[in-house]
Amino acid sequence: MKIRIRLKEILAEKGISQRELARKMGIRHPTINHLCSDNVDRVYIRTLEQICEALGITIDQLIVSVEEPNSPKE
């Protein structure tokens, strides 16, 4: 099982740009841009907490589990 960060979708739903979120959080725009991509392989938990606080969402709204194709079922 993989996890996916739904940041790009949530920003679109709320009408907030990546730059606006970066300014609100006081972090670099490339960090937000990376988290909006499908290539995220690691992220600090504190960053996820800050995103949730800035957007007024819960962690389970931000992160979802995704079944990998052809993964063995337990």
PDB file of N, CA and C in Angstrom:
ATOM      1  N   MET A   1       0.838  -1.174   0.000  1.00  0.00           N
ATOM      2  CA  MET A   1       0.000   0.000   0.000  1.00  0.00           C
ATOM      3  C   MET A   1       0.888   1.244   0.000  1.00  0.00           C
ATOM      4  N   LYS A   2       0.468   2.244  -0.747  1.00  0.00           N
ATOM      5  CA  LYS A   2       1.161   3.525  -0.775  1.00  0.00           C
ATOM      6  C   LYS A   2       0.241   4.577  -0.188  1.00  0.00           C
ATOM      7  N   ILE A   3       0.831   5.686   0.220  1.00  0.00           N
ATOM      8  CA  ILE A   3       0.011   6.815   0.631  1.00  0.00           C
ATOM      9  C   ILE A   3       0.200   7.936  -0.378  1.00  0.00           C
ATOM     10  N   ARG A   4      -0.823   8.770  -0.483  1.00  0.00           N
ATOM     11  CA  ARG A   4      -0.775   9.880  -1.423  1.00  0.00           C
ATOM     12  C   ARG A   4      -1.219  11.140  -0.695  1.00  0.00           C
ATOM     13  N   ILE A   5      -0.530  12.219  -0.967  1.00  0.00           N
ATOM     14  CA  ILE A   5      -0.875  13.515  -0.394  1.00  0.00           C
ATOM     15  C   ILE A   5      -1.795  14.220  -1.384  1.00  0.00           C
ATOM     16  N   ARG A   6      -2.976  14.600  -0.934  1.00  0.00           N
ATOM     17  CA  ARG A   6      -3.995  15.207  -1.790  1.00  0.00           C
ATOM     18  C   ARG A   6      -3.899  16.740  -1.837  1.00  0.00           C
ATOM     19  N   LEU A   7      -2.726  17.279  -1.584  1.00  0.00           N
ATOM     20  CA  LEU A   7      -2.575  18.728  -1.451  1.00  0.00           C
ATOM     21  C   LEU A   7      -3.027  19.479  -2.701  1.00  0.00           C
ATOM     22  N   LYS A   8      -2.642  19.011  -3.860  1.00  0.00           N
ATOM     23  CA  LYS A   8      -3.004  19.694  -5.106  1.00  0.00           C
ATOM     24  C   LYS A   8      -4.526  19.806  -5.248  1.00  0.00           C
ATOM     25  N   GLU A   9      -5.229  18.713  -4.975  1.00  0.00           N
ATOM     26  CA  GLU A   9      -6.689  18.706  -5.081  1.00  0.00           C
ATOM     27  C   GLU A   9      -7.338  19.625  -4.048  1.00  0.00           C
ATOM     28  N   ILE A  10      -6.810  19.607  -2.834  1.00  0.00           N
ATOM     29  CA  ILE A  10      -7.381  20.428  -1.761  1.00  0.00           C
ATOM     30  C   ILE A  10      -7.183  21.913  -2.062  1.00  0.00           C
ATOM     31  N   LEU A  11      -6.004  22.275  -2.557  1.00  0.00           N
ATOM     32  CA  LEU A  11      -5.772  23.674  -2.916  1.00  0.00           C
ATOM     33  C   LEU A  11      -6.747  24.118  -4.006  1.00  0.00           C
ATOM     34  N   ALA A  12      -6.981  23.258  -4.991  1.00  0.00           N
ATOM     35  CA  ALA A  12      -7.925  23.584  -6.066  1.00  0.00           C
ATOM     36  C   ALA A  12      -9.339  23.751  -5.505  1.00  0.00           C
ATOM     37  N   GLU A  13      -9.747  22.849  -4.615  1.00  0.00           N
ATOM     38  CA  GLU A  13     -11.080  22.929  -4.010  1.00  0.00           C
ATOM     39  C   GLU A  13     -11.272  24.229  -3.232  1.00  0.00           C
ATOM     40  N   LYS A  14     -10.215  24.669  -2.546  1.00  0.00           N
ATOM     41  CA  LYS A  14     -10.299  25.862  -1.710  1.00  0.00           C
ATOM     42  C   LYS A  14      -9.954  27.141  -2.467  1.00  0.00           C
ATOM     43  N   GLY A  15      -9.495  27.002  -3.715  1.00  0.00           N
ATOM     44  CA  GLY A  15      -9.133  28.178  -4.505  1.00  0.00           C
ATOM     45  C   GLY A  15      -7.899  28.897  -3.982  1.00  0.00           C
ATOM     46  N   ILE A  16      -6.956  28.140  -3.460  1.00  0.00           N
ATOM     47  CA  ILE A  16      -5.724  28.698  -2.904  1.00  0.00           C
ATOM     48  C   ILE A  16      -4.556  28.269  -3.785  1.00  0.00           C
ATOM     49  N   SER A  17      -3.676  29.204  -4.111  1.00  0.00           N
ATOM     50  CA  SER A  17      -2.510  28.862  -4.930  1.00  0.00           C
ATOM     51  C   SER A  17      -1.404  28.267  -4.051  1.00  0.00           C
ATOM     52  N   GLN A  18      -0.487  27.578  -4.701  1.00  0.00           N
ATOM     53  CA  GLN A  18       0.658  27.015  -3.987  1.00  0.00           C
ATOM     54  C   GLN A  18       1.475  28.129  -3.343  1.00  0.00           C
ATOM     55  N   ARG A  19       1.667  29.226  -4.072  1.00  0.00           N
ATOM     56  CA  ARG A  19       2.438  30.359  -3.537  1.00  0.00           C
ATOM     57  C   ARG A  19       1.760  30.966  -2.308  1.00  0.00           C
ATOM     58  N   GLU A  20       0.438  31.086  -2.374  1.00  0.00           N
ATOM     59  CA  GLU A  20      -0.313  31.644  -1.251  1.00  0.00           C
ATOM     60  C   GLU A  20      -0.148  30.772  -0.009  1.00  0.00           C
ATOM     61  N   LEU A  21      -0.235  29.455  -0.183  1.00  0.00           N
ATOM     62  CA  LEU A  21      -0.049  28.547   0.949  1.00  0.00           C
ATOM     63  C   LEU A  21       1.373  28.649   1.493  1.00  0.00           C
ATOM     64  N   ALA A  22       2.345  28.706   0.610  1.00  0.00           N
ATOM     65  CA  ALA A  22       3.742  28.825   1.043  1.00  0.00           C
ATOM     66  C   ALA A  22       3.944  30.101   1.869  1.00  0.00           C
ATOM     67  N   ARG A  23       3.390  31.214   1.401  1.00  0.00           N
ATOM     68  CA  ARG A  23       3.498  32.476   2.158  1.00  0.00           C
ATOM     69  C   ARG A  23       2.813  32.355   3.520  1.00  0.00           C
ATOM     70  N   LYS A  24       1.635  31.765   3.534  1.00  0.00           N
ATOM     71  CA  LYS A  24       0.875  31.617   4.780  1.00  0.00           C
ATOM     72  C   LYS A  24       1.631  30.770   5.801  1.00  0.00           C
ATOM     73  N   MET A  25       2.335  29.744   5.287  1.00  0.00           N
ATOM     74  CA  MET A  25       3.071  28.843   6.174  1.00  0.00           C
ATOM     75  C   MET A  25       4.475  29.325   6.481  1.00  0.00           C
ATOM     76  N   GLY A  26       4.979  30.276   5.687  1.00  0.00           N
ATOM     77  CA  GLY A  26       6.343  30.757   5.882  1.00  0.00           C
ATOM     78  C   GLY A  26       7.399  29.767   5.413  1.00  0.00           C
ATOM     79  N   ILE A  27       7.060  28.999   4.355  1.00  0.00           N
ATOM     80  CA  ILE A  27       8.035  28.065   3.785  1.00  0.00           C
ATOM     81  C   ILE A  27       8.225  28.370   2.302  1.00  0.00           C
ATOM     82  N   ARG A  28       9.207  27.752   1.707  1.00  0.00           N
ATOM     83  CA  ARG A  28       9.529  28.001   0.307  1.00  0.00           C
ATOM     84  C   ARG A  28       8.470  27.400  -0.621  1.00  0.00           C
ATOM     85  N   HIS A  29       8.177  28.124  -1.708  1.00  0.00           N
ATOM     86  CA  HIS A  29       7.214  27.650  -2.695  1.00  0.00           C
ATOM     87  C   HIS A  29       7.613  26.304  -3.293  1.00  0.00           C
ATOM     88  N   PRO A  30       8.917  26.069  -3.612  1.00  0.00           N
ATOM     89  CA  PRO A  30       9.277  24.752  -4.169  1.00  0.00           C
ATOM     90  C   PRO A  30       8.914  23.581  -3.260  1.00  0.00           C
ATOM     91  N   THR A  31       8.880  23.796  -1.948  1.00  0.00           N
ATOM     92  CA  THR A  31       8.484  22.736  -1.020  1.00  0.00           C
ATOM     93  C   THR A  31       7.027  22.364  -1.249  1.00  0.00           C
ATOM     94  N   ILE A  32       6.160  23.360  -1.365  1.00  0.00           N
ATOM     95  CA  ILE A  32       4.743  23.109  -1.622  1.00  0.00           C
ATOM     96  C   ILE A  32       4.570  22.481  -2.996  1.00  0.00           C
ATOM     97  N   ASN A  33       5.304  22.990  -3.971  1.00  0.00           N
ATOM     98  CA  ASN A  33       5.224  22.445  -5.328  1.00  0.00           C
ATOM     99  C   ASN A  33       5.584  20.965  -5.334  1.00  0.00           C
ATOM    100  N   HIS A  34       6.626  20.602  -4.603  1.00  0.00           N
ATOM    101  CA  HIS A  34       7.041  19.197  -4.520  1.00  0.00           C
ATOM    102  C   HIS A  34       5.950  18.341  -3.876  1.00  0.00           C
ATOM    103  N   LEU A  35       5.329  18.849  -2.823  1.00  0.00           N
ATOM    104  CA  LEU A  35       4.280  18.095  -2.135  1.00  0.00           C
ATOM    105  C   LEU A  35       3.027  17.940  -2.996  1.00  0.00           C
ATOM    106  N   CYS A  36       2.865  18.802  -3.983  1.00  0.00           N
ATOM    107  CA  CYS A  36       1.726  18.702  -4.898  1.00  0.00           C
ATOM    108  C   CYS A  36       1.992  17.718  -6.036  1.00  0.00           C
ATOM    109  N   SER A  37       3.224  17.279  -6.178  1.00  0.00           N
ATOM    110  CA  SER A  37       3.570  16.346  -7.248  1.00  0.00           C
ATOM    111  C   SER A  37       3.283  14.914  -6.820  1.00  0.00           C
ATOM    112  N   ASP A  38       3.386  13.996  -7.759  1.00  0.00           N
ATOM    113  CA  ASP A  38       3.190  12.578  -7.452  1.00  0.00           C
ATOM    114  C   ASP A  38       4.497  11.883  -7.091  1.00  0.00           C
ATOM    115  N   ASN A  39       5.560  12.658  -6.914  1.00  0.00           N
ATOM    116  CA  ASN A  39       6.880  12.075  -6.668  1.00  0.00           C
ATOM    117  C   ASN A  39       7.367  12.240  -5.233  1.00  0.00           C
ATOM    118  N   VAL A  40       6.458  12.432  -4.304  1.00  0.00           N
ATOM    119  CA  VAL A  40       6.845  12.632  -2.911  1.00  0.00           C
ATOM    120  C   VAL A  40       7.236  11.290  -2.299  1.00  0.00           C
ATOM    121  N   ASP A  41       8.450  11.215  -1.791  1.00  0.00           N
ATOM    122  CA  ASP A  41       8.875   9.968  -1.164  1.00  0.00           C
ATOM    123  C   ASP A  41       9.112  10.131   0.334  1.00  0.00           C
ATOM    124  N   ARG A  42       9.171  11.379   0.806  1.00  0.00           N
ATOM    125  CA  ARG A  42       9.286  11.610   2.247  1.00  0.00           C
ATOM    126  C   ARG A  42       8.878  13.041   2.554  1.00  0.00           C
ATOM    127  N   VAL A  43       8.351  13.203   3.748  1.00  0.00           N
ATOM    128  CA  VAL A  43       7.918  14.521   4.197  1.00  0.00           C
ATOM    129  C   VAL A  43       7.924  14.520   5.717  1.00  0.00           C
ATOM    130  N   TYR A  44       8.248  15.656   6.287  1.00  0.00           N
ATOM    131  CA  TYR A  44       8.223  15.777   7.739  1.00  0.00           C
ATOM    132  C   TYR A  44       6.777  15.812   8.231  1.00  0.00           C
ATOM    133  N   ILE A  45       6.526  15.122   9.309  1.00  0.00           N
ATOM    134  CA  ILE A  45       5.186  15.113   9.899  1.00  0.00           C
ATOM    135  C   ILE A  45       4.793  16.527  10.311  1.00  0.00           C
ATOM    136  N   ARG A  46       5.729  17.287  10.836  1.00  0.00           N
ATOM    137  CA  ARG A  46       5.432  18.667  11.251  1.00  0.00           C
ATOM    138  C   ARG A  46       4.956  19.486  10.052  1.00  0.00           C
ATOM    139  N   THR A  47       5.525  19.261   8.867  1.00  0.00           N
ATOM    140  CA  THR A  47       5.086  19.973   7.664  1.00  0.00           C
ATOM    141  C   THR A  47       3.643  19.633   7.351  1.00  0.00           C
ATOM    142  N   LEU A  48       3.285  18.358   7.464  1.00  0.00           N
ATOM    143  CA  LEU A  48       1.905  17.948   7.227  1.00  0.00           C
ATOM    144  C   LEU A  48       0.967  18.588   8.251  1.00  0.00           C
ATOM    145  N   GLU A  49       1.402  18.654   9.503  1.00  0.00           N
ATOM    146  CA  GLU A  49       0.600  19.301  10.543  1.00  0.00           C
ATOM    147  C   GLU A  49       0.383  20.775  10.224  1.00  0.00           C
ATOM    148  N   GLN A  50       1.444  21.453   9.766  1.00  0.00           N
ATOM    149  CA  GLN A  50       1.347  22.872   9.425  1.00  0.00           C
ATOM    150  C   GLN A  50       0.403  23.097   8.241  1.00  0.00           C
ATOM    151  N   ILE A  51       0.463  22.202   7.265  1.00  0.00           N
ATOM    152  CA  ILE A  51      -0.445  22.300   6.114  1.00  0.00           C
ATOM    153  C   ILE A  51      -1.884  22.171   6.589  1.00  0.00           C
ATOM    154  N   CYS A  52      -2.144  21.183   7.434  1.00  0.00           N
ATOM    155  CA  CYS A  52      -3.500  20.980   7.960  1.00  0.00           C
ATOM    156  C   CYS A  52      -3.978  22.209   8.727  1.00  0.00           C
ATOM    157  N   GLU A  53      -3.120  22.765   9.553  1.00  0.00           N
ATOM    158  CA  GLU A  53      -3.481  23.960  10.319  1.00  0.00           C
ATOM    159  C   GLU A  53      -3.770  25.134   9.389  1.00  0.00           C
ATOM    160  N   ALA A  54      -2.921  25.340   8.394  1.00  0.00           N
ATOM    161  CA  ALA A  54      -3.074  26.472   7.476  1.00  0.00           C
ATOM    162  C   ALA A  54      -4.345  26.358   6.634  1.00  0.00           C
ATOM    163  N   LEU A  55      -4.726  25.129   6.281  1.00  0.00           N
ATOM    164  CA  LEU A  55      -5.889  24.918   5.422  1.00  0.00           C
ATOM    165  C   LEU A  55      -7.167  24.592   6.197  1.00  0.00           C
ATOM    166  N   GLY A  56      -7.041  24.394   7.498  1.00  0.00           N
ATOM    167  CA  GLY A  56      -8.215  24.061   8.312  1.00  0.00           C
ATOM    168  C   GLY A  56      -8.788  22.694   7.967  1.00  0.00           C
ATOM    169  N   ILE A  57      -7.893  21.722   7.762  1.00  0.00           N
ATOM    170  CA  ILE A  57      -8.311  20.360   7.424  1.00  0.00           C
ATOM    171  C   ILE A  57      -7.693  19.378   8.402  1.00  0.00           C
ATOM    172  N   THR A  58      -8.134  18.122   8.321  1.00  0.00           N
ATOM    173  CA  THR A  58      -7.561  17.071   9.161  1.00  0.00           C
ATOM    174  C   THR A  58      -6.571  16.253   8.336  1.00  0.00           C
ATOM    175  N   ILE A  59      -5.736  15.525   9.025  1.00  0.00           N
ATOM    176  CA  ILE A  59      -4.716  14.721   8.351  1.00  0.00           C
ATOM    177  C   ILE A  59      -5.340  13.660   7.446  1.00  0.00           C
ATOM    178  N   ASP A  60      -6.488  13.113   7.845  1.00  0.00           N
ATOM    179  CA  ASP A  60      -7.109  12.088   6.999  1.00  0.00           C
ATOM    180  C   ASP A  60      -7.749  12.688   5.746  1.00  0.00           C
ATOM    181  N   GLN A  61      -7.936  13.990   5.708  1.00  0.00           N
ATOM    182  CA  GLN A  61      -8.368  14.640   4.472  1.00  0.00           C
ATOM    183  C   GLN A  61      -7.177  14.876   3.546  1.00  0.00           C
ATOM    184  N   LEU A  62      -6.003  15.055   4.128  1.00  0.00           N
ATOM    185  CA  LEU A  62      -4.795  15.354   3.361  1.00  0.00           C
ATOM    186  C   LEU A  62      -4.130  14.106   2.796  1.00  0.00           C
ATOM    187  N   ILE A  63      -4.142  13.020   3.564  1.00  0.00           N
ATOM    188  CA  ILE A  63      -3.430  11.805   3.161  1.00  0.00           C
ATOM    189  C   ILE A  63      -4.428  10.674   2.943  1.00  0.00           C
ATOM    190  N   VAL A  64      -4.283   9.969   1.838  1.00  0.00           N
ATOM    191  CA  VAL A  64      -5.125   8.807   1.556  1.00  0.00           C
ATOM    192  C   VAL A  64      -4.239   7.622   1.200  1.00  0.00           C
ATOM    193  N   SER A  65      -4.731   6.424   1.477  1.00  0.00           N
ATOM    194  CA  SER A  65      -3.991   5.229   1.075  1.00  0.00           C
ATOM    195  C   SER A  65      -4.435   4.822  -0.318  1.00  0.00           C
ATOM    196  N   VAL A  66      -3.488   4.303  -1.074  1.00  0.00           N
ATOM    197  CA  VAL A  66      -3.738   3.921  -2.463  1.00  0.00           C
ATOM    198  C   VAL A  66      -3.228   2.507  -2.665  1.00  0.00           C
ATOM    199  N   GLU A  67      -4.072   1.658  -3.218  1.00  0.00           N
ATOM    200  CA  GLU A  67      -3.645   0.293  -3.542  1.00  0.00           C
ATOM    201  C   GLU A  67      -2.713   0.341  -4.745  1.00  0.00           C
ATOM    202  N   GLU A  68      -1.617  -0.358  -4.648  1.00  0.00           N
ATOM    203  CA  GLU A  68      -0.702  -0.456  -5.780  1.00  0.00           C
ATOM    204  C   GLU A  68      -1.191  -1.556  -6.717  1.00  0.00           C
ATOM    205  N   PRO A  69      -1.144  -1.309  -8.021  1.00  0.00           N
ATOM    206  CA  PRO A  69      -1.547  -2.369  -8.945  1.00  0.00           C
ATOM    207  C   PRO A  69      -0.623  -3.578  -8.805  1.00  0.00           C
ATOM    208  N   ASN A  70      -1.204  -4.749  -8.894  1.00  0.00           N
ATOM    209  CA  ASN A  70      -0.456  -6.002  -8.795  1.00  0.00           C
ATOM    210  C   ASN A  70       0.228  -6.212  -7.452  1.00  0.00           C
ATOM    211  N   SER A  71      -0.266  -5.549  -6.406  1.00  0.00           N
ATOM    212  CA  SER A  71       0.335  -5.790  -5.096  1.00  0.00           C
ATOM    213  C   SER A  71      -0.322  -7.026  -4.484  1.00  0.00           C
ATOM    214  N   PRO A  72       0.464  -7.825  -3.770  1.00  0.00           N
ATOM    215  CA  PRO A  72      -0.114  -9.029  -3.168  1.00  0.00           C
ATOM    216  C   PRO A  72      -1.113  -8.653  -2.092  1.00  0.00           C
ATOM    217  N   LYS A  73      -2.212  -9.348  -2.077  1.00  0.00           N
ATOM    218  CA  LYS A  73      -3.250  -9.119  -1.068  1.00  0.00           C
ATOM    219  C   LYS A  73      -2.953  -9.996   0.130  1.00  0.00           C
ATOM    220  N   GLU A  74      -3.153  -9.427   1.307  1.00  0.00           N
ATOM    221  CA  GLU A  74      -2.907 -10.201   2.537  1.00  0.00           C
ATOM    222  C   GLU A  74      -4.138 -10.919   2.964  1.00  0.00           C
TER     223      GLU A  74
END
